[in-house]
């Protein structure tokens, strides 16, 4: 015999929360084998587009010039005139209805981490180059957890993010400090600083010949929805047991044992099943220990289901 009791709206609460998972890849083969790609972007001035030439990429092949232009357009288009971005020119609206001053301002969305003054530098001279790691979304989830990225290169220097989208380098390298940016929601690690002297990134062939001794670690972020179901048992509900051991005799005659027929007998609950509208079992919740059903007060059982 089955017993069903429907939920009402107030019995179900869905709560989102963020979860993180750590990833660590040691060695070039481990990094690239995970799907992380490496690209070199170059501001080519002679024949900027020649199909099949000036390609870059470890797992996939892309044009060096297109990598450079794409990064510039997506993440640095408002930051070409200075490290703190192009001036945001605004207009003054006068009482007589006239407008004084320029009415334009930087109009590109460059995926800034916050509203604080940005620190982004992008080289624009001829043959300027940049370097980029592209982390796939199946690794970082919704975004990379700010402050979790660490990259070691050649056992000599360390790249970290400050939690605000800024990449800094420390170790045996000239010009320690700011060297680029990380776009958390896109999984893009971009190195742009000309002070970052590193042949590993200046020569993309070093990637393809496995000469780079490196490791990378970061944390992914994903939203998990927890559904909480409140199963309420009134004092006059579920006051009999379905345990077959209560049937007296060895022939399963259907006669309930006498000790279970008295008014002082309270059954115990060990399992809660969740069903759909077609009365199909969807989930089973096991209690840590049997719970007696009270005959004088309501009993609430909270079932949490993470999806």
Protein backbone atom coordinates (compact mmCIF):
# COMPACT_ATOMS: atom_id res chain seq x y z
CA UNK A 1 0.00 0.00 0.00
CA UNK A 2 1.39 3.39 -0.99
CA UNK A 3 0.66 6.73 0.64
CA UNK A 4 1.04 9.99 -1.27
CA UNK A 5 0.81 13.55 -0.02
CA UNK A 6 1.19 16.50 -2.41
CA UNK A 7 3.45 19.48 -1.78
CA UNK A 8 2.13 23.01 -1.66
CA UNK A 9 4.10 25.99 -2.98
CA UNK A 10 5.45 26.98 0.43
CA UNK A 11 6.84 23.47 0.95
CA UNK A 12 9.46 23.84 -1.82
CA UNK A 13 12.35 26.32 -1.69
CA UNK A 14 14.96 26.52 -4.47
CA UNK A 15 18.22 28.21 -3.42
CA UNK A 16 21.17 28.87 -5.77
CA UNK A 17 24.72 28.83 -4.44
CA UNK A 18 28.20 28.91 -5.94
CA UNK A 19 30.55 25.96 -5.84
CA UNK A 20 34.22 25.85 -6.81
CA UNK A 21 36.49 23.12 -8.12
CA UNK A 22 40.27 23.29 -8.19
CA UNK A 23 42.32 22.31 -11.23
CA UNK A 24 46.08 21.82 -11.35
CA UNK A 25 48.01 20.93 -14.49
CA UNK A 26 51.73 20.22 -14.25
CA UNK A 27 53.81 20.19 -17.41
CA UNK A 28 53.09 21.47 -20.90
CA UNK A 29 51.53 18.19 -22.03
CA UNK A 30 49.14 18.25 -19.06
CA UNK A 31 48.13 21.87 -19.68
CA UNK A 32 47.47 21.51 -23.39
CA UNK A 33 46.04 18.01 -23.00
CA UNK A 34 43.29 19.47 -20.80
CA UNK A 35 42.10 21.61 -23.71
CA UNK A 36 43.87 24.84 -22.71
CA UNK A 37 45.23 26.48 -25.84
CA UNK A 38 48.10 28.94 -26.28
CA UNK A 39 48.22 31.73 -28.85
CA UNK A 40 50.65 34.42 -29.97
CA UNK A 41 49.09 37.63 -31.33
CA UNK A 42 51.15 39.91 -33.57
CA UNK A 43 50.31 43.34 -35.03
CA UNK A 44 51.40 42.48 -38.55
CA UNK A 45 51.65 45.46 -40.92
CA UNK A 46 52.72 43.81 -44.19
CA UNK A 47 50.10 41.56 -45.77
CA UNK A 48 48.03 41.30 -42.57
CA UNK A 49 45.83 38.59 -43.98
CA UNK A 50 47.35 35.73 -45.92
CA UNK A 51 45.41 32.52 -45.60
CA UNK A 52 47.47 29.70 -44.10
CA UNK A 53 50.42 31.86 -43.03
CA UNK A 54 51.46 33.33 -39.67
CA UNK A 55 49.39 30.83 -37.75
CA UNK A 56 49.52 30.26 -34.01
CA UNK A 57 48.02 27.89 -31.49
CA UNK A 58 48.90 24.62 -29.83
CA UNK A 59 45.58 22.73 -30.07
CA UNK A 60 44.04 24.78 -32.88
CA UNK A 61 45.38 26.98 -35.66
CA UNK A 62 44.54 30.70 -35.73
CA UNK A 63 45.97 33.75 -37.47
CA UNK A 64 48.41 35.70 -35.31
CA UNK A 65 47.02 38.96 -36.67
CA UNK A 66 43.39 37.98 -35.98
CA UNK A 67 44.29 36.95 -32.43
CA UNK A 68 45.88 40.36 -31.89
CA UNK A 69 42.94 42.27 -33.39
CA UNK A 70 40.30 40.20 -31.58
CA UNK A 71 41.90 40.70 -28.16
CA UNK A 72 42.31 44.41 -28.84
CA UNK A 73 38.69 44.84 -29.91
CA UNK A 74 37.09 42.75 -27.14
CA UNK A 75 39.13 43.72 -24.09
CA UNK A 76 41.25 46.82 -24.79
CA UNK A 77 39.36 49.04 -27.25
CA UNK A 78 38.74 51.68 -24.54
CA UNK A 79 42.32 51.48 -23.26
CA UNK A 80 44.48 52.34 -26.23
CA UNK A 81 45.45 55.91 -25.26
CA UNK A 82 46.74 55.06 -21.79
CA UNK A 83 47.07 52.41 -19.15
CA UNK A 84 44.01 53.76 -17.32
CA UNK A 85 41.79 53.83 -20.37
CA UNK A 86 40.71 56.54 -22.75
CA UNK A 87 39.33 59.67 -21.08
CA UNK A 88 35.57 59.46 -20.58
CA UNK A 89 34.53 62.80 -22.08
CA UNK A 90 31.12 63.96 -20.89
CA UNK A 91 28.90 66.90 -21.80
CA UNK A 92 27.44 69.67 -19.64
CA UNK A 93 23.70 70.30 -19.95
CA UNK A 94 22.94 73.99 -19.50
CA UNK A 95 19.70 75.47 -18.05
CA UNK A 96 18.81 76.99 -21.43
CA UNK A 97 18.81 73.55 -23.01
CA UNK A 98 22.14 73.82 -24.81
CA UNK A 99 24.95 71.27 -24.47
CA UNK A 100 28.54 72.32 -23.84
CA UNK A 101 31.49 70.05 -24.46
CA UNK A 102 31.82 66.70 -26.21
CA UNK A 103 28.92 64.30 -25.92
CA UNK A 104 30.83 61.10 -26.59
CA UNK A 105 32.53 58.68 -24.26
CA UNK A 106 34.13 55.24 -24.58
CA UNK A 107 31.30 53.05 -25.79
CA UNK A 108 32.90 49.61 -25.88
CA UNK A 109 32.16 46.93 -23.32
CA UNK A 110 35.56 45.53 -22.36
CA UNK A 111 34.43 43.05 -19.67
CA UNK A 112 35.78 44.95 -16.71
CA UNK A 113 35.84 43.15 -13.37
CA UNK A 114 34.52 46.11 -11.37
CA UNK A 115 33.88 49.85 -11.59
CA UNK A 116 37.25 50.86 -10.12
CA UNK A 117 39.75 52.71 -12.37
CA UNK A 118 41.01 50.06 -14.76
CA UNK A 119 44.62 49.11 -15.33
CA UNK A 120 44.95 47.77 -18.85
CA UNK A 121 47.81 48.24 -21.27
CA UNK A 122 47.84 47.13 -24.89
CA UNK A 123 50.81 47.57 -27.28
CA UNK A 124 49.93 49.18 -30.61
CA UNK A 125 53.27 49.61 -32.36
CA UNK A 126 54.14 47.71 -35.52
CA UNK A 127 54.99 44.04 -34.90
CA UNK A 128 53.84 44.34 -31.29
CA UNK A 129 53.00 40.95 -29.86
CA UNK A 130 50.84 39.59 -27.07
CA UNK A 131 50.40 36.12 -25.58
CA UNK A 132 47.22 34.41 -24.51
CA UNK A 133 46.02 31.28 -22.75
CA UNK A 134 42.50 30.21 -23.68
CA UNK A 135 40.86 28.04 -21.00
CA UNK A 136 37.76 26.14 -22.25
CA UNK A 137 34.41 26.69 -20.51
CA UNK A 138 34.07 23.02 -19.62
CA UNK A 139 36.95 23.65 -17.19
CA UNK A 140 36.17 27.08 -15.74
CA UNK A 141 32.37 26.71 -15.67
CA UNK A 142 30.71 30.12 -15.44
CA UNK A 143 33.93 31.98 -14.64
CA UNK A 144 37.36 31.53 -13.10
CA UNK A 145 37.30 32.20 -9.38
CA UNK A 146 39.03 35.60 -8.92
CA UNK A 147 42.37 35.33 -7.16
CA UNK A 148 42.80 31.61 -7.88
CA UNK A 149 45.02 31.64 -11.00
CA UNK A 150 48.68 30.69 -10.67
CA UNK A 151 51.09 29.95 -13.53
CA UNK A 152 54.69 28.85 -13.09
CA UNK A 153 57.05 29.11 -16.09
CA UNK A 154 60.53 27.64 -16.43
CA UNK A 155 60.72 27.29 -12.63
CA UNK A 156 61.93 30.88 -12.54
CA UNK A 157 58.90 33.12 -12.25
CA UNK A 158 55.29 33.05 -11.09
CA UNK A 159 52.19 34.70 -12.60
CA UNK A 160 49.20 35.36 -10.35
CA UNK A 161 45.98 37.37 -10.57
CA UNK A 162 45.06 39.86 -7.87
CA UNK A 163 41.33 39.08 -7.83
CA UNK A 164 40.55 42.27 -9.78
CA UNK A 165 41.56 41.07 -13.24
CA UNK A 166 45.21 42.14 -13.01
CA UNK A 167 48.07 39.73 -13.73
CA UNK A 168 51.34 40.22 -11.86
CA UNK A 169 54.65 38.40 -12.23
CA UNK A 170 57.33 37.74 -9.67
CA UNK A 171 60.62 35.89 -9.82
CA UNK A 172 63.73 35.98 -11.99
CA UNK A 173 62.48 38.34 -14.65
CA UNK A 174 63.04 41.95 -15.63
CA UNK A 175 60.21 44.37 -14.92
CA UNK A 176 58.32 42.50 -12.22
CA UNK A 177 54.75 43.64 -11.59
CA UNK A 178 51.81 44.18 -13.95
CA UNK A 179 52.05 42.15 -17.15
CA UNK A 180 48.47 41.68 -18.37
CA UNK A 181 44.89 40.84 -17.53
CA UNK A 182 42.58 37.91 -16.98
CA UNK A 183 39.00 37.89 -18.23
CA UNK A 184 37.36 35.63 -15.66
CA UNK A 185 34.08 35.00 -17.48
CA UNK A 186 35.82 34.07 -20.74
CA UNK A 187 38.74 32.08 -19.35
CA UNK A 188 41.23 34.36 -21.14
CA UNK A 189 44.70 34.96 -19.70
CA UNK A 190 46.31 37.79 -21.69
CA UNK A 191 49.93 38.99 -21.39
CA UNK A 192 50.55 42.42 -22.93
CA UNK A 193 53.35 44.16 -21.03
CA UNK A 194 56.50 44.94 -23.06
CA UNK A 195 58.47 44.66 -19.79
CA UNK A 196 57.65 40.99 -19.66
CA UNK A 197 60.83 39.56 -21.21
CA UNK A 198 60.15 35.91 -21.89
CA UNK A 199 61.28 33.99 -24.97
CA UNK A 200 58.73 31.32 -24.13
CA UNK A 201 55.97 33.69 -25.20
CA UNK A 202 57.84 35.62 -27.85
CA UNK A 203 58.42 32.48 -29.89
CA UNK A 204 55.36 30.31 -30.37
CA UNK A 205 57.54 27.48 -31.71
CA UNK A 206 58.74 26.92 -28.13
CA UNK A 207 55.23 25.75 -27.34
CA UNK A 208 55.09 23.24 -30.15
CA UNK A 209 58.49 21.77 -29.35
CA UNK A 210 57.62 21.09 -25.68
CA UNK A 211 60.48 23.24 -24.37
CA UNK A 212 58.31 25.16 -21.90
CA UNK A 213 58.45 23.89 -18.33
CA UNK A 214 55.20 25.15 -16.86
CA UNK A 215 52.23 24.47 -14.61
CA UNK A 216 48.84 26.11 -14.15
CA UNK A 217 46.23 26.02 -11.42
CA UNK A 218 42.88 27.78 -10.95
CA UNK A 219 39.39 27.27 -9.56
CA UNK A 220 36.22 27.03 -11.59
CA UNK A 221 32.88 28.45 -10.49
CA UNK A 222 29.45 26.94 -11.10
CA UNK A 223 25.97 27.72 -9.77
CA UNK A 224 24.24 24.75 -8.15
CA UNK A 225 20.54 24.88 -7.32
CA UNK A 226 19.50 23.20 -4.08
CA UNK A 227 15.82 22.27 -3.78
CA UNK A 228 14.53 21.90 -0.25
CA UNK A 229 11.30 19.96 0.25
CA UNK A 230 9.44 20.22 3.55
CA UNK A 231 7.57 16.99 4.17
CA UNK A 232 5.01 17.70 6.90
CA UNK A 233 3.32 14.84 8.77
CA UNK A 234 0.26 15.92 10.75
CA UNK A 235 -0.46 14.31 14.09
CA UNK A 236 -3.27 12.27 12.53
CA UNK A 237 -1.36 11.18 9.39
CA UNK A 238 0.88 8.21 8.66
CA UNK A 239 -0.12 6.65 11.98
CA UNK A 240 0.17 3.07 10.83
CA UNK A 241 3.12 1.05 9.58
CA UNK A 242 3.64 -0.69 6.25
CA UNK A 243 6.38 -2.93 7.61
CA UNK A 244 5.50 -6.55 6.61
CA UNK A 245 7.00 -7.84 9.86
CA UNK A 246 3.90 -6.59 11.68
CA UNK A 247 1.79 -9.34 10.10
CA UNK A 248 1.40 -12.15 12.64
CA UNK A 249 1.93 -15.80 11.79
CA UNK A 250 4.16 -17.44 9.21
CA UNK A 251 1.50 -17.80 6.54
CA UNK A 252 1.05 -14.06 5.90
CA UNK A 253 -2.57 -14.28 6.89
CA UNK A 254 -2.91 -10.49 6.90
CA UNK A 255 -3.59 -10.28 10.62
CA UNK A 256 -1.75 -7.42 12.30
CA UNK A 257 0.17 -8.26 15.44
CA UNK A 258 -1.65 -7.20 18.57
CA UNK A 259 1.10 -4.91 19.83
CA UNK A 260 0.67 -2.72 16.73
CA UNK A 261 -3.07 -2.24 17.07
CA UNK A 262 -3.09 -0.26 20.28
CA UNK A 263 -3.55 3.51 20.47
CA UNK A 264 -0.04 3.91 21.93
CA UNK A 265 1.73 2.36 18.96
CA UNK A 266 3.68 4.95 16.94
CA UNK A 267 5.34 3.79 13.71
CA UNK A 268 8.84 4.91 12.73
CA UNK A 269 9.85 6.52 9.43
CA UNK A 270 13.08 5.46 7.77
CA UNK A 271 12.60 6.51 4.11
CA UNK A 272 10.94 9.36 2.20
CA UNK A 273 10.17 9.01 -1.52
CA UNK A 274 9.62 11.92 -3.92
CA UNK A 275 7.21 11.28 -6.80
CA UNK A 276 6.03 13.16 -9.86
CA UNK A 277 2.42 13.77 -10.82
CA UNK A 278 2.26 10.32 -12.44
CA UNK A 279 3.27 8.77 -9.13
CA UNK A 280 6.61 7.71 -10.56
CA UNK A 281 9.43 7.54 -8.00
CA UNK A 282 12.07 10.20 -8.68
CA UNK A 283 14.23 10.26 -5.55
CA UNK A 284 14.62 8.40 -2.27
CA UNK A 285 15.83 10.03 0.96
CA UNK A 286 17.12 7.82 3.77
CA UNK A 287 17.01 9.09 7.33
CA UNK A 288 20.12 8.69 9.46
CA UNK A 289 18.05 6.85 12.08
CA UNK A 290 14.40 5.81 12.39
CA UNK A 291 12.15 8.72 13.32
CA UNK A 292 9.02 8.09 15.43
CA UNK A 293 5.83 9.75 14.18
CA UNK A 294 4.26 11.86 16.90
CA UNK A 295 0.55 11.50 17.58
CA UNK A 296 0.31 14.84 19.38
CA UNK A 297 2.27 17.27 17.18
CA UNK A 298 3.30 17.77 13.57
CA UNK A 299 6.57 16.28 12.30
CA UNK A 300 8.63 18.03 9.60
CA UNK A 301 11.23 16.22 7.50
CA UNK A 302 13.48 18.44 5.34
CA UNK A 303 14.77 16.83 2.14
CA UNK A 304 17.58 18.68 0.28
CA UNK A 305 18.22 17.85 -3.37
CA UNK A 306 21.20 19.41 -5.20
CA UNK A 307 21.06 19.67 -8.99
